[in-house]
């Protein structure tokens, strides 16, 4: 009789399956890369933090019915690493890196050692150098949105 009736739980499962099947973290990373214009070292600083917040909120609102907390946690880790990469990339010279690492509270000898690293931007963004100095809390206090916090805020209401 009610052949076309679908329960809310079935809709959630269908949306989650569609989400996992069609949109994965690489798709999301691709669009964020386009949004922040990878070629420019100062793109994250020139771009409005409000614009970034609106983009993330729109994306989360579109998929609000899908249960994707584990995906959001991994996307948030990637996003923080990406922000750290852009910050490190903007500190182009060794003396700038040295001065900024000292401002972050790193001892002088260790800041000099870390500033002279020859590793690439993406590798340094995940290393102890930046994960201990530019933490998620510092990014939040600088005004960058957290995907996980926005997701939790959306699902409370």
C-alpha atoms as a PDB file:
ATOM      1  CA  UNK A   1       0.000   0.000   0.000  1.00  0.00           C
ATOM      2  CA  UNK A   2       2.682   2.507   1.015  1.00  0.00           C
ATOM      3  CA  UNK A   3       5.213   1.405  -1.554  1.00  0.00           C
ATOM      4  CA  UNK A   4       6.876   4.813  -1.977  1.00  0.00           C
ATOM      5  CA  UNK A   5       7.081   5.542   1.745  1.00  0.00           C
ATOM      6  CA  UNK A   6      10.644   5.725   3.056  1.00  0.00           C
ATOM      7  CA  UNK A   7      11.458   6.125   6.738  1.00  0.00           C
ATOM      8  CA  UNK A   8      13.796   8.803   8.040  1.00  0.00           C
ATOM      9  CA  UNK A   9      16.408   6.199   8.996  1.00  0.00           C
ATOM     10  CA  UNK A  10      16.346   4.724   5.487  1.00  0.00           C
ATOM     11  CA  UNK A  11      16.804   8.211   4.011  1.00  0.00           C
ATOM     12  CA  UNK A  12      19.776   8.841   6.299  1.00  0.00           C
ATOM     13  CA  UNK A  13      21.380   5.564   5.278  1.00  0.00           C
ATOM     14  CA  UNK A  14      20.758   6.363   1.612  1.00  0.00           C
ATOM     15  CA  UNK A  15      22.239   9.857   1.958  1.00  0.00           C
ATOM     16  CA  UNK A  16      25.261   8.486   3.835  1.00  0.00           C
ATOM     17  CA  UNK A  17      25.801   5.792   1.198  1.00  0.00           C
ATOM     18  CA  UNK A  18      25.505   8.366  -1.576  1.00  0.00           C
ATOM     19  CA  UNK A  19      27.921  10.622   0.268  1.00  0.00           C
ATOM     20  CA  UNK A  20      30.520   7.916   0.733  1.00  0.00           C
ATOM     21  CA  UNK A  21      30.057   6.646  -2.814  1.00  0.00           C
ATOM     22  CA  UNK A  22      30.249   9.912  -4.709  1.00  0.00           C
ATOM     23  CA  UNK A  23      31.987  12.470  -2.561  1.00  0.00           C
ATOM     24  CA  UNK A  24      35.168  11.469  -0.828  1.00  0.00           C
ATOM     25  CA  UNK A  25      37.949  13.383   0.815  1.00  0.00           C
ATOM     26  CA  UNK A  26      39.828  13.818  -2.467  1.00  0.00           C
ATOM     27  CA  UNK A  27      36.865  15.598  -4.031  1.00  0.00           C
ATOM     28  CA  UNK A  28      36.592  17.868  -1.018  1.00  0.00           C
ATOM     29  CA  UNK A  29      40.345  18.539  -1.036  1.00  0.00           C
ATOM     30  CA  UNK A  30      40.196  19.343  -4.745  1.00  0.00           C
ATOM     31  CA  UNK A  31      37.569  22.026  -4.253  1.00  0.00           C
ATOM     32  CA  UNK A  32      39.353  23.497  -1.253  1.00  0.00           C
ATOM     33  CA  UNK A  33      42.538  23.610  -3.301  1.00  0.00           C
ATOM     34  CA  UNK A  34      40.710  25.565  -5.981  1.00  0.00           C
ATOM     35  CA  UNK A  35      39.168  27.815  -3.367  1.00  0.00           C
ATOM     36  CA  UNK A  36      42.505  28.778  -1.869  1.00  0.00           C
ATOM     37  CA  UNK A  37      44.445  28.989  -5.179  1.00  0.00           C
ATOM     38  CA  UNK A  38      47.369  26.711  -4.553  1.00  0.00           C
ATOM     39  CA  UNK A  39      49.937  28.663  -6.591  1.00  0.00           C
ATOM     40  CA  UNK A  40      49.955  31.764  -4.417  1.00  0.00           C
ATOM     41  CA  UNK A  41      51.807  31.550  -1.096  1.00  0.00           C
ATOM     42  CA  UNK A  42      49.666  34.246   0.538  1.00  0.00           C
ATOM     43  CA  UNK A  43      46.290  32.991  -0.625  1.00  0.00           C
ATOM     44  CA  UNK A  44      45.084  31.908   2.831  1.00  0.00           C
ATOM     45  CA  UNK A  45      45.958  35.282   4.273  1.00  0.00           C
ATOM     46  CA  UNK A  46      44.417  37.277   1.415  1.00  0.00           C
ATOM     47  CA  UNK A  47      41.250  35.243   1.369  1.00  0.00           C
ATOM     48  CA  UNK A  48      38.536  36.269   3.755  1.00  0.00           C
ATOM     49  CA  UNK A  49      38.143  33.931   6.713  1.00  0.00           C
ATOM     50  CA  UNK A  50      34.424  34.659   6.503  1.00  0.00           C
ATOM     51  CA  UNK A  51      34.400  33.362   2.913  1.00  0.00           C
ATOM     52  CA  UNK A  52      36.097  30.163   4.049  1.00  0.00           C
ATOM     53  CA  UNK A  53      33.616  29.766   6.926  1.00  0.00           C
ATOM     54  CA  UNK A  54      30.666  30.238   4.575  1.00  0.00           C
ATOM     55  CA  UNK A  55      32.044  27.669   2.140  1.00  0.00           C
ATOM     56  CA  UNK A  56      32.502  25.072   4.880  1.00  0.00           C
ATOM     57  CA  UNK A  57      29.070  25.808   6.395  1.00  0.00           C
ATOM     58  CA  UNK A  58      27.411  25.469   2.998  1.00  0.00           C
ATOM     59  CA  UNK A  59      29.154  22.174   2.373  1.00  0.00           C
ATOM     60  CA  UNK A  60      28.190  20.837   5.818  1.00  0.00           C
ATOM     61  CA  UNK A  61      24.594  22.026   5.456  1.00  0.00           C
ATOM     62  CA  UNK A  62      24.282  20.269   2.109  1.00  0.00           C
ATOM     63  CA  UNK A  63      25.267  16.954   3.736  1.00  0.00           C
ATOM     64  CA  UNK A  64      23.707  17.608   7.152  1.00  0.00           C
ATOM     65  CA  UNK A  65      21.623  14.405   7.155  1.00  0.00           C
ATOM     66  CA  UNK A  66      24.568  12.123   6.541  1.00  0.00           C
ATOM     67  CA  UNK A  67      26.286  10.636   9.560  1.00  0.00           C
ATOM     68  CA  UNK A  68      29.864  11.530   8.714  1.00  0.00           C
ATOM     69  CA  UNK A  69      31.667  12.365  11.928  1.00  0.00           C
ATOM     70  CA  UNK A  70      34.673  10.126  11.190  1.00  0.00           C
ATOM     71  CA  UNK A  71      34.999  11.703   7.754  1.00  0.00           C
ATOM     72  CA  UNK A  72      34.776  15.198   9.287  1.00  0.00           C
ATOM     73  CA  UNK A  73      37.536  14.363  11.780  1.00  0.00           C
ATOM     74  CA  UNK A  74      39.883  13.257   8.980  1.00  0.00           C
ATOM     75  CA  UNK A  75      38.910  16.253   6.813  1.00  0.00           C
ATOM     76  CA  UNK A  76      39.586  18.583   9.752  1.00  0.00           C
ATOM     77  CA  UNK A  77      43.063  17.081  10.195  1.00  0.00           C
ATOM     78  CA  UNK A  78      43.762  17.580   6.494  1.00  0.00           C
ATOM     79  CA  UNK A  79      42.431  21.151   6.634  1.00  0.00           C
ATOM     80  CA  UNK A  80      44.630  22.078   9.619  1.00  0.00           C
ATOM     81  CA  UNK A  81      47.647  20.567   7.881  1.00  0.00           C
ATOM     82  CA  UNK A  82      46.825  22.615   4.782  1.00  0.00           C
ATOM     83  CA  UNK A  83      46.643  25.812   6.832  1.00  0.00           C
ATOM     84  CA  UNK A  84      49.993  25.018   8.460  1.00  0.00           C
ATOM     85  CA  UNK A  85      51.484  24.409   5.034  1.00  0.00           C
ATOM     86  CA  UNK A  86      50.381  27.841   3.817  1.00  0.00           C
ATOM     87  CA  UNK A  87      51.720  29.518   6.932  1.00  0.00           C
ATOM     88  CA  UNK A  88      55.097  27.773   6.522  1.00  0.00           C
ATOM     89  CA  UNK A  89      55.090  28.644   2.821  1.00  0.00           C
ATOM     90  CA  UNK A  90      54.545  32.314   3.622  1.00  0.00           C
ATOM     91  CA  UNK A  91      57.659  32.277   5.841  1.00  0.00           C
ATOM     92  CA  UNK A  92      59.901  31.922   2.780  1.00  0.00           C
ATOM     93  CA  UNK A  93      63.324  32.762   4.173  1.00  0.00           C
ATOM     94  CA  UNK A  94      65.247  31.064   6.950  1.00  0.00           C
ATOM     95  CA  UNK A  95      65.466  34.241   9.021  1.00  0.00           C
ATOM     96  CA  UNK A  96      61.684  34.745   8.785  1.00  0.00           C
ATOM     97  CA  UNK A  97      61.055  31.165   9.863  1.00  0.00           C
ATOM     98  CA  UNK A  98      63.547  31.545  12.694  1.00  0.00           C
ATOM     99  CA  UNK A  99      61.933  34.764  13.954  1.00  0.00           C
ATOM    100  CA  UNK A 100      58.384  33.421  13.708  1.00  0.00           C
ATOM    101  CA  UNK A 101      59.258  30.134  15.393  1.00  0.00           C
ATOM    102  CA  UNK A 102      60.803  32.101  18.259  1.00  0.00           C
ATOM    103  CA  UNK A 103      57.597  34.167  18.487  1.00  0.00           C
ATOM    104  CA  UNK A 104      55.698  30.895  18.830  1.00  0.00           C
ATOM    105  CA  UNK A 105      57.769  30.045  21.905  1.00  0.00           C
ATOM    106  CA  UNK A 106      60.406  27.704  20.487  1.00  0.00           C
ATOM    107  CA  UNK A 107      63.885  27.949  22.102  1.00  0.00           C
ATOM    108  CA  UNK A 108      66.525  29.736  20.026  1.00  0.00           C
ATOM    109  CA  UNK A 109      68.688  26.683  19.251  1.00  0.00           C
ATOM    110  CA  UNK A 110      65.696  24.583  18.237  1.00  0.00           C
ATOM    111  CA  UNK A 111      64.147  27.379  16.157  1.00  0.00           C
ATOM    112  CA  UNK A 112      67.408  27.723  14.214  1.00  0.00           C
ATOM    113  CA  UNK A 113      67.562  23.964  13.667  1.00  0.00           C
ATOM    114  CA  UNK A 114      63.939  23.801  12.475  1.00  0.00           C
ATOM    115  CA  UNK A 115      64.172  26.931  10.313  1.00  0.00           C
ATOM    116  CA  UNK A 116      66.990  25.363   8.278  1.00  0.00           C
ATOM    117  CA  UNK A 117      65.068  22.233   7.337  1.00  0.00           C
ATOM    118  CA  UNK A 118      65.124  21.183   3.692  1.00  0.00           C
ATOM    119  CA  UNK A 119      61.899  19.226   3.826  1.00  0.00           C
ATOM    120  CA  UNK A 120      58.972  20.207   1.622  1.00  0.00           C
ATOM    121  CA  UNK A 121      56.036  22.340   2.735  1.00  0.00           C
ATOM    122  CA  UNK A 122      53.563  19.473   2.992  1.00  0.00           C
ATOM    123  CA  UNK A 123      55.970  17.287   4.972  1.00  0.00           C
ATOM    124  CA  UNK A 124      56.891  20.080   7.403  1.00  0.00           C
ATOM    125  CA  UNK A 125      53.188  20.817   7.948  1.00  0.00           C
ATOM    126  CA  UNK A 126      52.779  17.372   9.551  1.00  0.00           C
ATOM    127  CA  UNK A 127      56.095  17.319  11.395  1.00  0.00           C
ATOM    128  CA  UNK A 128      56.791  18.247  15.013  1.00  0.00           C
ATOM    129  CA  UNK A 129      58.013  21.638  13.809  1.00  0.00           C
ATOM    130  CA  UNK A 130      54.551  22.993  13.054  1.00  0.00           C
ATOM    131  CA  UNK A 131      52.235  20.642  14.950  1.00  0.00           C
ATOM    132  CA  UNK A 132      53.802  21.759  18.233  1.00  0.00           C
ATOM    133  CA  UNK A 133      53.963  25.477  17.383  1.00  0.00           C
ATOM    134  CA  UNK A 134      50.871  26.108  15.251  1.00  0.00           C
ATOM    135  CA  UNK A 135      48.271  24.038  17.057  1.00  0.00           C
ATOM    136  CA  UNK A 136      44.571  23.792  16.256  1.00  0.00           C
ATOM    137  CA  UNK A 137      43.852  26.140  19.156  1.00  0.00           C
ATOM    138  CA  UNK A 138      46.160  28.782  17.665  1.00  0.00           C
ATOM    139  CA  UNK A 139      44.439  28.465  14.308  1.00  0.00           C
ATOM    140  CA  UNK A 140      41.060  28.928  16.004  1.00  0.00           C
ATOM    141  CA  UNK A 141      42.283  31.959  17.935  1.00  0.00           C
ATOM    142  CA  UNK A 142      43.625  33.421  14.662  1.00  0.00           C
ATOM    143  CA  UNK A 143      40.093  33.260  13.274  1.00  0.00           C
ATOM    144  CA  UNK A 144      40.269  30.230  10.991  1.00  0.00           C
ATOM    145  CA  UNK A 145      37.140  28.055  11.173  1.00  0.00           C
ATOM    146  CA  UNK A 146      37.262  24.466  12.363  1.00  0.00           C
ATOM    147  CA  UNK A 147      35.275  21.972  10.305  1.00  0.00           C
ATOM    148  CA  UNK A 148      34.677  19.763  13.329  1.00  0.00           C
ATOM    149  CA  UNK A 149      33.395  22.642  15.483  1.00  0.00           C
ATOM    150  CA  UNK A 150      31.045  23.794  12.712  1.00  0.00           C
ATOM    151  CA  UNK A 151      29.787  20.218  12.264  1.00  0.00           C
ATOM    152  CA  UNK A 152      29.097  19.819  15.988  1.00  0.00           C
ATOM    153  CA  UNK A 153      27.393  23.219  16.102  1.00  0.00           C
ATOM    154  CA  UNK A 154      25.187  22.271  13.125  1.00  0.00           C
ATOM    155  CA  UNK A 155      24.147  18.936  14.645  1.00  0.00           C
ATOM    156  CA  UNK A 156      23.271  20.402  18.047  1.00  0.00           C
ATOM    157  CA  UNK A 157      20.412  22.384  16.555  1.00  0.00           C
END
